[in-house]
């Protein structure tokens, strides 16, 4: 799904394209802010997002086979809720 599809869905409810775009931007900003603050965000029935941490580790360059250090990182994971799973 793209941002444009969400904007079109909001336009069908009677919002202008600019207002719908601002609403989508506000939603994504709120999710990002809450993930930074609490490490989790959920929408009941739809699903939940949570921050997952990966430790630093050693890897290999696939081209040369040389070992290299992969830095620690944070990623966002999504787990679908029961209603979303049921609708599939």
PDB file of N, CA and C in Angstrom:
ATOM      1  N   UNK A   1       0.852  -1.177   0.000  1.00  0.00           N
ATOM      2  CA  UNK A   1       0.000   0.000   0.000  1.00  0.00           C
ATOM      3  C   UNK A   1       0.891   1.230   0.000  1.00  0.00           C
ATOM      4  N   UNK A   2       0.453   2.223  -0.705  1.00  0.00           N
ATOM      5  CA  UNK A   2       1.218   3.457  -0.760  1.00  0.00           C
ATOM      6  C   UNK A   2       0.484   4.571  -0.018  1.00  0.00           C
ATOM      7  N   UNK A   3       1.196   5.646   0.212  1.00  0.00           N
ATOM      8  CA  UNK A   3       0.621   6.804   0.884  1.00  0.00           C
ATOM      9  C   UNK A   3      -0.554   7.340   0.060  1.00  0.00           C
ATOM     10  N   UNK A   4      -0.423   7.299  -1.253  1.00  0.00           N
ATOM     11  CA  UNK A   4      -1.467   7.812  -2.129  1.00  0.00           C
ATOM     12  C   UNK A   4      -2.783   7.051  -1.958  1.00  0.00           C
ATOM     13  N   UNK A   5      -2.706   5.745  -1.721  1.00  0.00           N
ATOM     14  CA  UNK A   5      -3.918   4.947  -1.514  1.00  0.00           C
ATOM     15  C   UNK A   5      -4.624   5.379  -0.229  1.00  0.00           C
ATOM     16  N   UNK A   6      -3.855   5.654   0.817  1.00  0.00           N
ATOM     17  CA  UNK A   6      -4.444   6.137   2.067  1.00  0.00           C
ATOM     18  C   UNK A   6      -5.093   7.505   1.872  1.00  0.00           C
ATOM     19  N   UNK A   7      -4.434   8.370   1.121  1.00  0.00           N
ATOM     20  CA  UNK A   7      -4.990   9.703   0.857  1.00  0.00           C
ATOM     21  C   UNK A   7      -6.306   9.574   0.085  1.00  0.00           C
ATOM     22  N   UNK A   8      -6.347   8.700  -0.902  1.00  0.00           N
ATOM     23  CA  UNK A   8      -7.580   8.500  -1.672  1.00  0.00           C
ATOM     24  C   UNK A   8      -8.704   7.955  -0.786  1.00  0.00           C
ATOM     25  N   UNK A   9      -8.368   7.082   0.148  1.00  0.00           N
ATOM     26  CA  UNK A   9      -9.386   6.549   1.067  1.00  0.00           C
ATOM     27  C   UNK A   9      -9.968   7.663   1.923  1.00  0.00           C
ATOM     28  N   UNK A  10      -9.138   8.597   2.366  1.00  0.00           N
ATOM     29  CA  UNK A  10      -9.623   9.726   3.161  1.00  0.00           C
ATOM     30  C   UNK A  10     -10.411  10.708   2.299  1.00  0.00           C
ATOM     31  N   UNK A  11     -10.043  10.852   1.039  1.00  0.00           N
ATOM     32  CA  UNK A  11     -10.784  11.749   0.142  1.00  0.00           C
ATOM     33  C   UNK A  11     -12.199  11.236  -0.077  1.00  0.00           C
ATOM     34  N   UNK A  12     -12.384   9.917  -0.082  1.00  0.00           N
ATOM     35  CA  UNK A  12     -13.727   9.344  -0.253  1.00  0.00           C
ATOM     36  C   UNK A  12     -14.634   9.697   0.927  1.00  0.00           C
ATOM     37  N   UNK A  13     -14.020  10.031   2.063  1.00  0.00           N
ATOM     38  CA  UNK A  13     -14.801  10.424   3.244  1.00  0.00           C
ATOM     39  C   UNK A  13     -15.133  11.913   3.246  1.00  0.00           C
ATOM     40  N   UNK A  14     -14.699  12.620   2.184  1.00  0.00           N
ATOM     41  CA  UNK A  14     -15.054  14.034   2.067  1.00  0.00           C
ATOM     42  C   UNK A  14     -13.942  15.004   2.389  1.00  0.00           C
ATOM     43  N   UNK A  15     -12.725  14.534   2.619  1.00  0.00           N
ATOM     44  CA  UNK A  15     -11.609  15.429   2.918  1.00  0.00           C
ATOM     45  C   UNK A  15     -10.943  15.872   1.616  1.00  0.00           C
ATOM     46  N   UNK A  16     -10.328  17.044   1.646  1.00  0.00           N
ATOM     47  CA  UNK A  16      -9.571  17.496   0.481  1.00  0.00           C
ATOM     48  C   UNK A  16      -8.272  16.707   0.409  1.00  0.00           C
ATOM     49  N   UNK A  17      -7.633  16.739  -0.748  1.00  0.00           N
ATOM     50  CA  UNK A  17      -6.381  16.002  -0.930  1.00  0.00           C
ATOM     51  C   UNK A  17      -5.302  16.512   0.018  1.00  0.00           C
ATOM     52  N   UNK A  18      -5.221  17.832   0.203  1.00  0.00           N
ATOM     53  CA  UNK A  18      -4.184  18.373   1.091  1.00  0.00           C
ATOM     54  C   UNK A  18      -4.463  18.016   2.547  1.00  0.00           C
ATOM     55  N   UNK A  19      -5.727  18.076   2.965  1.00  0.00           N
ATOM     56  CA  UNK A  19      -6.080  17.716   4.341  1.00  0.00           C
ATOM     57  C   UNK A  19      -5.835  16.226   4.581  1.00  0.00           C
ATOM     58  N   UNK A  20      -6.151  15.405   3.583  1.00  0.00           N
ATOM     59  CA  UNK A  20      -5.932  13.962   3.713  1.00  0.00           C
ATOM     60  C   UNK A  20      -4.438  13.666   3.794  1.00  0.00           C
ATOM     61  N   UNK A  21      -3.628  14.355   2.998  1.00  0.00           N
ATOM     62  CA  UNK A  21      -2.175  14.176   3.047  1.00  0.00           C
ATOM     63  C   UNK A  21      -1.605  14.566   4.395  1.00  0.00           C
ATOM     64  N   UNK A  22      -2.110  15.670   4.951  1.00  0.00           N
ATOM     65  CA  UNK A  22      -1.660  16.108   6.275  1.00  0.00           C
ATOM     66  C   UNK A  22      -2.057  15.101   7.349  1.00  0.00           C
ATOM     67  N   UNK A  23      -3.238  14.509   7.215  1.00  0.00           N
ATOM     68  CA  UNK A  23      -3.697  13.515   8.187  1.00  0.00           C
ATOM     69  C   UNK A  23      -2.801  12.274   8.150  1.00  0.00           C
ATOM     70  N   UNK A  24      -2.462  11.806   6.952  1.00  0.00           N
ATOM     71  CA  UNK A  24      -1.586  10.634   6.824  1.00  0.00           C
ATOM     72  C   UNK A  24      -0.209  10.946   7.411  1.00  0.00           C
ATOM     73  N   UNK A  25       0.316  12.144   7.135  1.00  0.00           N
ATOM     74  CA  UNK A  25       1.611  12.552   7.690  1.00  0.00           C
ATOM     75  C   UNK A  25       1.561  12.615   9.215  1.00  0.00           C
ATOM     76  N   UNK A  26       0.452  13.121   9.756  1.00  0.00           N
ATOM     77  CA  UNK A  26       0.307  13.219  11.211  1.00  0.00           C
ATOM     78  C   UNK A  26       0.259  11.831  11.855  1.00  0.00           C
ATOM     79  N   UNK A  27      -0.418  10.901  11.206  1.00  0.00           N
ATOM     80  CA  UNK A  27      -0.508   9.536  11.740  1.00  0.00           C
ATOM     81  C   UNK A  27       0.862   8.874  11.755  1.00  0.00           C
ATOM     82  N   UNK A  28       1.597   8.975  10.652  1.00  0.00           N
ATOM     83  CA  UNK A  28       2.920   8.340  10.601  1.00  0.00           C
ATOM     84  C   UNK A  28       3.879   8.993  11.587  1.00  0.00           C
ATOM     85  N   UNK A  29       3.766  10.312  11.762  1.00  0.00           N
ATOM     86  CA  UNK A  29       4.623  10.999  12.738  1.00  0.00           C
ATOM     87  C   UNK A  29       4.284  10.554  14.159  1.00  0.00           C
ATOM     88  N   UNK A  30       3.000  10.380  14.454  1.00  0.00           N
ATOM     89  CA  UNK A  30       2.593   9.942  15.797  1.00  0.00           C
ATOM     90  C   UNK A  30       3.094   8.526  16.086  1.00  0.00           C
ATOM     91  N   UNK A  31       3.011   7.646  15.092  1.00  0.00           N
ATOM     92  CA  UNK A  31       3.507   6.279  15.279  1.00  0.00           C
ATOM     93  C   UNK A  31       5.009   6.297  15.521  1.00  0.00           C
ATOM     94  N   UNK A  32       5.745   7.064  14.719  1.00  0.00           N
ATOM     95  CA  UNK A  32       7.196   7.149  14.877  1.00  0.00           C
ATOM     96  C   UNK A  32       7.576   7.701  16.248  1.00  0.00           C
ATOM     97  N   UNK A  33       6.894   8.757  16.671  1.00  0.00           N
ATOM     98  CA  UNK A  33       7.185   9.382  17.962  1.00  0.00           C
ATOM     99  C   UNK A  33       6.935   8.412  19.110  1.00  0.00           C
ATOM    100  N   UNK A  34       5.807   7.692  19.053  1.00  0.00           N
ATOM    101  CA  UNK A  34       5.480   6.751  20.118  1.00  0.00           C
ATOM    102  C   UNK A  34       6.452   5.570  20.139  1.00  0.00           C
ATOM    103  N   UNK A  35       6.892   5.115  18.967  1.00  0.00           N
ATOM    104  CA  UNK A  35       7.872   4.025  18.917  1.00  0.00           C
ATOM    105  C   UNK A  35       9.196   4.458  19.547  1.00  0.00           C
ATOM    106  N   UNK A  36       9.605   5.703  19.297  1.00  0.00           N
ATOM    107  CA  UNK A  36      10.838   6.204  19.912  1.00  0.00           C
ATOM    108  C   UNK A  36      10.704   6.288  21.431  1.00  0.00           C
ATOM    109  N   UNK A  37       9.520   6.719  21.880  1.00  0.00           N
ATOM    110  CA  UNK A  37       9.309   6.950  23.307  1.00  0.00           C
ATOM    111  C   UNK A  37       9.079   5.657  24.087  1.00  0.00           C
ATOM    112  N   UNK A  38       8.164   4.798  23.612  1.00  0.00           N
ATOM    113  CA  UNK A  38       7.765   3.636  24.409  1.00  0.00           C
ATOM    114  C   UNK A  38       8.189   2.298  23.813  1.00  0.00           C
ATOM    115  N   UNK A  39       8.760   2.313  22.606  1.00  0.00           N
ATOM    116  CA  UNK A  39       9.216   1.101  21.926  1.00  0.00           C
ATOM    117  C   UNK A  39       8.082   0.219  21.425  1.00  0.00           C
ATOM    118  N   UNK A  40       6.803   0.686  21.506  1.00  0.00           N
ATOM    119  CA  UNK A  40       5.696  -0.105  20.991  1.00  0.00           C
ATOM    120  C   UNK A  40       4.523   0.803  20.642  1.00  0.00           C
ATOM    121  N   UNK A  41       3.694   0.336  19.709  1.00  0.00           N
ATOM    122  CA  UNK A  41       2.512   1.075  19.291  1.00  0.00           C
ATOM    123  C   UNK A  41       1.502   0.051  18.777  1.00  0.00           C
ATOM    124  N   UNK A  42       0.262   0.135  19.227  1.00  0.00           N
ATOM    125  CA  UNK A  42      -0.722  -0.847  18.768  1.00  0.00           C
ATOM    126  C   UNK A  42      -2.028  -0.183  18.378  1.00  0.00           C
ATOM    127  N   UNK A  43      -2.689  -0.797  17.420  1.00  0.00           N
ATOM    128  CA  UNK A  43      -4.022  -0.410  16.993  1.00  0.00           C
ATOM    129  C   UNK A  43      -4.877  -1.659  17.200  1.00  0.00           C
ATOM    130  N   UNK A  44      -5.751  -1.650  18.194  1.00  0.00           N
ATOM    131  CA  UNK A  44      -6.538  -2.848  18.494  1.00  0.00           C
ATOM    132  C   UNK A  44      -7.284  -3.369  17.271  1.00  0.00           C
ATOM    133  N   UNK A  45      -7.182  -4.668  17.043  1.00  0.00           N
ATOM    134  CA  UNK A  45      -7.831  -5.305  15.915  1.00  0.00           C
ATOM    135  C   UNK A  45      -6.996  -5.294  14.649  1.00  0.00           C
ATOM    136  N   UNK A  46      -6.103  -4.311  14.515  1.00  0.00           N
ATOM    137  CA  UNK A  46      -5.269  -4.218  13.313  1.00  0.00           C
ATOM    138  C   UNK A  46      -3.918  -4.870  13.539  1.00  0.00           C
ATOM    139  N   UNK A  47      -3.220  -4.452  14.599  1.00  0.00           N
ATOM    140  CA  UNK A  47      -1.924  -5.045  14.890  1.00  0.00           C
ATOM    141  C   UNK A  47      -1.079  -4.140  15.756  1.00  0.00           C
ATOM    142  N   UNK A  48       0.158  -4.560  15.972  1.00  0.00           N
ATOM    143  CA  UNK A  48       1.054  -3.772  16.813  1.00  0.00           C
ATOM    144  C   UNK A  48       2.447  -3.706  16.194  1.00  0.00           C
ATOM    145  N   UNK A  49       3.097  -2.590  16.442  1.00  0.00           N
ATOM    146  CA  UNK A  49       4.469  -2.366  16.019  1.00  0.00           C
ATOM    147  C   UNK A  49       5.325  -2.383  17.267  1.00  0.00           C
ATOM    148  N   UNK A  50       6.524  -2.933  17.193  1.00  0.00           N
ATOM    149  CA  UNK A  50       7.450  -2.835  18.309  1.00  0.00           C
ATOM    150  C   UNK A  50       8.879  -2.761  17.782  1.00  0.00           C
ATOM    151  N   UNK A  51       9.745  -2.149  18.595  1.00  0.00           N
ATOM    152  CA  UNK A  51      11.139  -1.989  18.223  1.00  0.00           C
ATOM    153  C   UNK A  51      11.904  -3.232  18.637  1.00  0.00           C
ATOM    154  N   UNK A  52      12.671  -3.757  17.721  1.00  0.00           N
ATOM    155  CA  UNK A  52      13.496  -4.927  17.995  1.00  0.00           C
ATOM    156  C   UNK A  52      14.953  -4.515  17.877  1.00  0.00           C
ATOM    157  N   UNK A  53      15.772  -4.992  18.786  1.00  0.00           N
ATOM    158  CA  UNK A  53      17.188  -4.638  18.798  1.00  0.00           C
ATOM    159  C   UNK A  53      18.030  -5.817  18.331  1.00  0.00           C
ATOM    160  N   UNK A  54      18.986  -5.536  17.468  1.00  0.00           N
ATOM    161  CA  UNK A  54      19.908  -6.570  17.002  1.00  0.00           C
ATOM    162  C   UNK A  54      21.290  -6.235  17.535  1.00  0.00           C
ATOM    163  N   UNK A  55      21.944  -7.200  18.125  1.00  0.00           N
ATOM    164  CA  UNK A  55      23.282  -6.997  18.681  1.00  0.00           C
ATOM    165  C   UNK A  55      24.316  -6.924  17.554  1.00  0.00           C
ATOM    166  N   UNK A  56      25.449  -6.325  17.862  1.00  0.00           N
ATOM    167  CA  UNK A  56      26.555  -6.305  16.912  1.00  0.00           C
ATOM    168  C   UNK A  56      27.038  -7.740  16.714  1.00  0.00           C
ATOM    169  N   UNK A  57      27.496  -8.021  15.513  1.00  0.00           N
ATOM    170  CA  UNK A  57      27.951  -9.383  15.238  1.00  0.00           C
ATOM    171  C   UNK A  57      28.967  -9.366  14.104  1.00  0.00           C
ATOM    172  N   UNK A  58      29.609 -10.488  13.920  1.00  0.00           N
ATOM    173  CA  UNK A  58      30.557 -10.639  12.829  1.00  0.00           C
ATOM    174  C   UNK A  58      29.844 -11.259  11.638  1.00  0.00           C
ATOM    175  N   UNK A  59      30.157 -10.775  10.456  1.00  0.00           N
ATOM    176  CA  UNK A  59      29.585 -11.307   9.232  1.00  0.00           C
ATOM    177  C   UNK A  59      30.690 -11.496   8.207  1.00  0.00           C
ATOM    178  N   UNK A  60      30.326 -11.832   7.010  1.00  0.00           N
ATOM    179  CA  UNK A  60      31.297 -12.019   5.929  1.00  0.00           C
ATOM    180  C   UNK A  60      30.848 -11.243   4.705  1.00  0.00           C
ATOM    181  N   UNK A  61      31.824 -10.653   4.038  1.00  0.00           N
ATOM    182  CA  UNK A  61      31.567 -10.010   2.770  1.00  0.00           C
ATOM    183  C   UNK A  61      31.319 -11.124   1.752  1.00  0.00           C
ATOM    184  N   UNK A  62      30.142 -11.173   1.123  1.00  0.00           N
ATOM    185  CA  UNK A  62      29.852 -12.281   0.222  1.00  0.00           C
ATOM    186  C   UNK A  62      30.749 -12.311  -1.025  1.00  0.00           C
ATOM    187  N   UNK A  63      31.279 -11.181  -1.411  1.00  0.00           N
ATOM    188  CA  UNK A  63      32.132 -11.130  -2.591  1.00  0.00           C
ATOM    189  C   UNK A  63      33.535 -11.661  -2.327  1.00  0.00           C
ATOM    190  N   UNK A  64      34.119 -11.195  -1.199  1.00  0.00           N
ATOM    191  CA  UNK A  64      35.514 -11.541  -0.924  1.00  0.00           C
ATOM    192  C   UNK A  64      35.679 -12.599   0.154  1.00  0.00           C
ATOM    193  N   UNK A  65      34.644 -12.813   0.955  1.00  0.00           N
ATOM    194  CA  UNK A  65      34.749 -13.766   2.044  1.00  0.00           C
ATOM    195  C   UNK A  65      35.427 -13.195   3.276  1.00  0.00           C
ATOM    196  N   UNK A  66      35.819 -11.913   3.228  1.00  0.00           N
ATOM    197  CA  UNK A  66      36.476 -11.286   4.382  1.00  0.00           C
ATOM    198  C   UNK A  66      35.494 -11.106   5.527  1.00  0.00           C
ATOM    199  N   UNK A  67      35.948 -11.337   6.760  1.00  0.00           N
ATOM    200  CA  UNK A  67      35.068 -11.071   7.906  1.00  0.00           C
ATOM    201  C   UNK A  67      34.912  -9.555   8.096  1.00  0.00           C
ATOM    202  N   UNK A  68      33.721  -9.136   8.526  1.00  0.00           N
ATOM    203  CA  UNK A  68      33.500  -7.728   8.819  1.00  0.00           C
ATOM    204  C   UNK A  68      32.535  -7.610   9.981  1.00  0.00           C
ATOM    205  N   UNK A  69      32.665  -6.515  10.702  1.00  0.00           N
ATOM    206  CA  UNK A  69      31.824  -6.296  11.873  1.00  0.00           C
ATOM    207  C   UNK A  69      30.545  -5.590  11.439  1.00  0.00           C
ATOM    208  N   UNK A  70      29.405  -6.149  11.824  1.00  0.00           N
ATOM    209  CA  UNK A  70      28.098  -5.556  11.553  1.00  0.00           C
ATOM    210  C   UNK A  70      27.655  -4.857  12.833  1.00  0.00           C
ATOM    211  N   UNK A  71      27.342  -3.570  12.720  1.00  0.00           N
ATOM    212  CA  UNK A  71      26.979  -2.778  13.900  1.00  0.00           C
ATOM    213  C   UNK A  71      25.618  -3.180  14.460  1.00  0.00           C
ATOM    214  N   UNK A  72      25.415  -2.873  15.736  1.00  0.00           N
ATOM    215  CA  UNK A  72      24.114  -3.089  16.376  1.00  0.00           C
ATOM    216  C   UNK A  72      23.099  -2.162  15.713  1.00  0.00           C
ATOM    217  N   UNK A  73      21.839  -2.600  15.665  1.00  0.00           N
ATOM    218  CA  UNK A  73      20.811  -1.782  15.030  1.00  0.00           C
ATOM    219  C   UNK A  73      19.458  -2.013  15.683  1.00  0.00           C
ATOM    220  N   UNK A  74      18.540  -1.112  15.373  1.00  0.00           N
ATOM    221  CA  UNK A  74      17.153  -1.233  15.817  1.00  0.00           C
ATOM    222  C   UNK A  74      16.283  -1.332  14.580  1.00  0.00           C
ATOM    223  N   UNK A  75      15.248  -2.174  14.636  1.00  0.00           N
ATOM    224  CA  UNK A  75      14.316  -2.361  13.546  1.00  0.00           C
ATOM    225  C   UNK A  75      12.897  -2.341  14.087  1.00  0.00           C
ATOM    226  N   UNK A  76      11.951  -2.064  13.218  1.00  0.00           N
ATOM    227  CA  UNK A  76      10.545  -2.083  13.608  1.00  0.00           C
ATOM    228  C   UNK A  76       9.929  -3.384  13.114  1.00  0.00           C
ATOM    229  N   UNK A  77       9.214  -4.044  13.980  1.00  0.00           N
ATOM    230  CA  UNK A  77       8.518  -5.294  13.649  1.00  0.00           C
ATOM    231  C   UNK A  77       7.015  -5.044  13.755  1.00  0.00           C
ATOM    232  N   UNK A  78       6.245  -5.787  12.967  1.00  0.00           N
ATOM    233  CA  UNK A  78       4.792  -5.673  12.992  1.00  0.00           C
ATOM    234  C   UNK A  78       4.184  -7.046  13.228  1.00  0.00           C
ATOM    235  N   UNK A  79       3.208  -7.094  14.115  1.00  0.00           N
ATOM    236  CA  UNK A  79       2.469  -8.331  14.364  1.00  0.00           C
ATOM    237  C   UNK A  79       0.997  -8.039  14.096  1.00  0.00           C
ATOM    238  N   UNK A  80       0.413  -8.775  13.164  1.00  0.00           N
ATOM    239  CA  UNK A  80      -0.980  -8.559  12.785  1.00  0.00           C
ATOM    240  C   UNK A  80      -1.927  -8.954  13.909  1.00  0.00           C
ATOM    241  N   UNK A  81      -3.008  -8.196  14.050  1.00  0.00           N
ATOM    242  CA  UNK A  81      -4.036  -8.487  15.044  1.00  0.00           C
ATOM    243  C   UNK A  81      -5.022  -9.529  14.533  1.00  0.00           C
ATOM    244  N   UNK A  82      -5.895  -9.986  15.404  1.00  0.00           N
ATOM    245  CA  UNK A  82      -6.830 -11.056  15.076  1.00  0.00           C
ATOM    246  C   UNK A  82      -7.790 -10.673  13.958  1.00  0.00           C
ATOM    247  N   UNK A  83      -8.332  -9.443  13.975  1.00  0.00           N
ATOM    248  CA  UNK A  83      -9.266  -9.041  12.932  1.00  0.00           C
ATOM    249  C   UNK A  83      -8.577  -8.973  11.578  1.00  0.00           C
ATOM    250  N   UNK A  84      -7.347  -8.471  11.549  1.00  0.00           N
ATOM    251  CA  UNK A  84      -6.610  -8.395  10.281  1.00  0.00           C
ATOM    252  C   UNK A  84      -6.313  -9.779   9.747  1.00  0.00           C
ATOM    253  N   UNK A  85      -5.878 -10.678  10.633  1.00  0.00           N
ATOM    254  CA  UNK A  85      -5.610 -12.061  10.214  1.00  0.00           C
ATOM    255  C   UNK A  85      -6.873 -12.720   9.675  1.00  0.00           C
ATOM    256  N   UNK A  86      -7.984 -12.470  10.356  1.00  0.00           N
ATOM    257  CA  UNK A  86      -9.256 -13.062   9.945  1.00  0.00           C
ATOM    258  C   UNK A  86      -9.757 -12.547   8.603  1.00  0.00           C
ATOM    259  N   UNK A  87      -9.406 -11.309   8.273  1.00  0.00           N
ATOM    260  CA  UNK A  87      -9.881 -10.732   7.011  1.00  0.00           C
ATOM    261  C   UNK A  87      -9.083 -11.231   5.815  1.00  0.00           C
ATOM    262  N   UNK A  88      -7.946 -11.867   6.066  1.00  0.00           N
ATOM    263  CA  UNK A  88      -7.130 -12.379   4.961  1.00  0.00           C
ATOM    264  C   UNK A  88      -7.647 -13.716   4.543  1.00  0.00           C
TER     265      UNK A  88
END
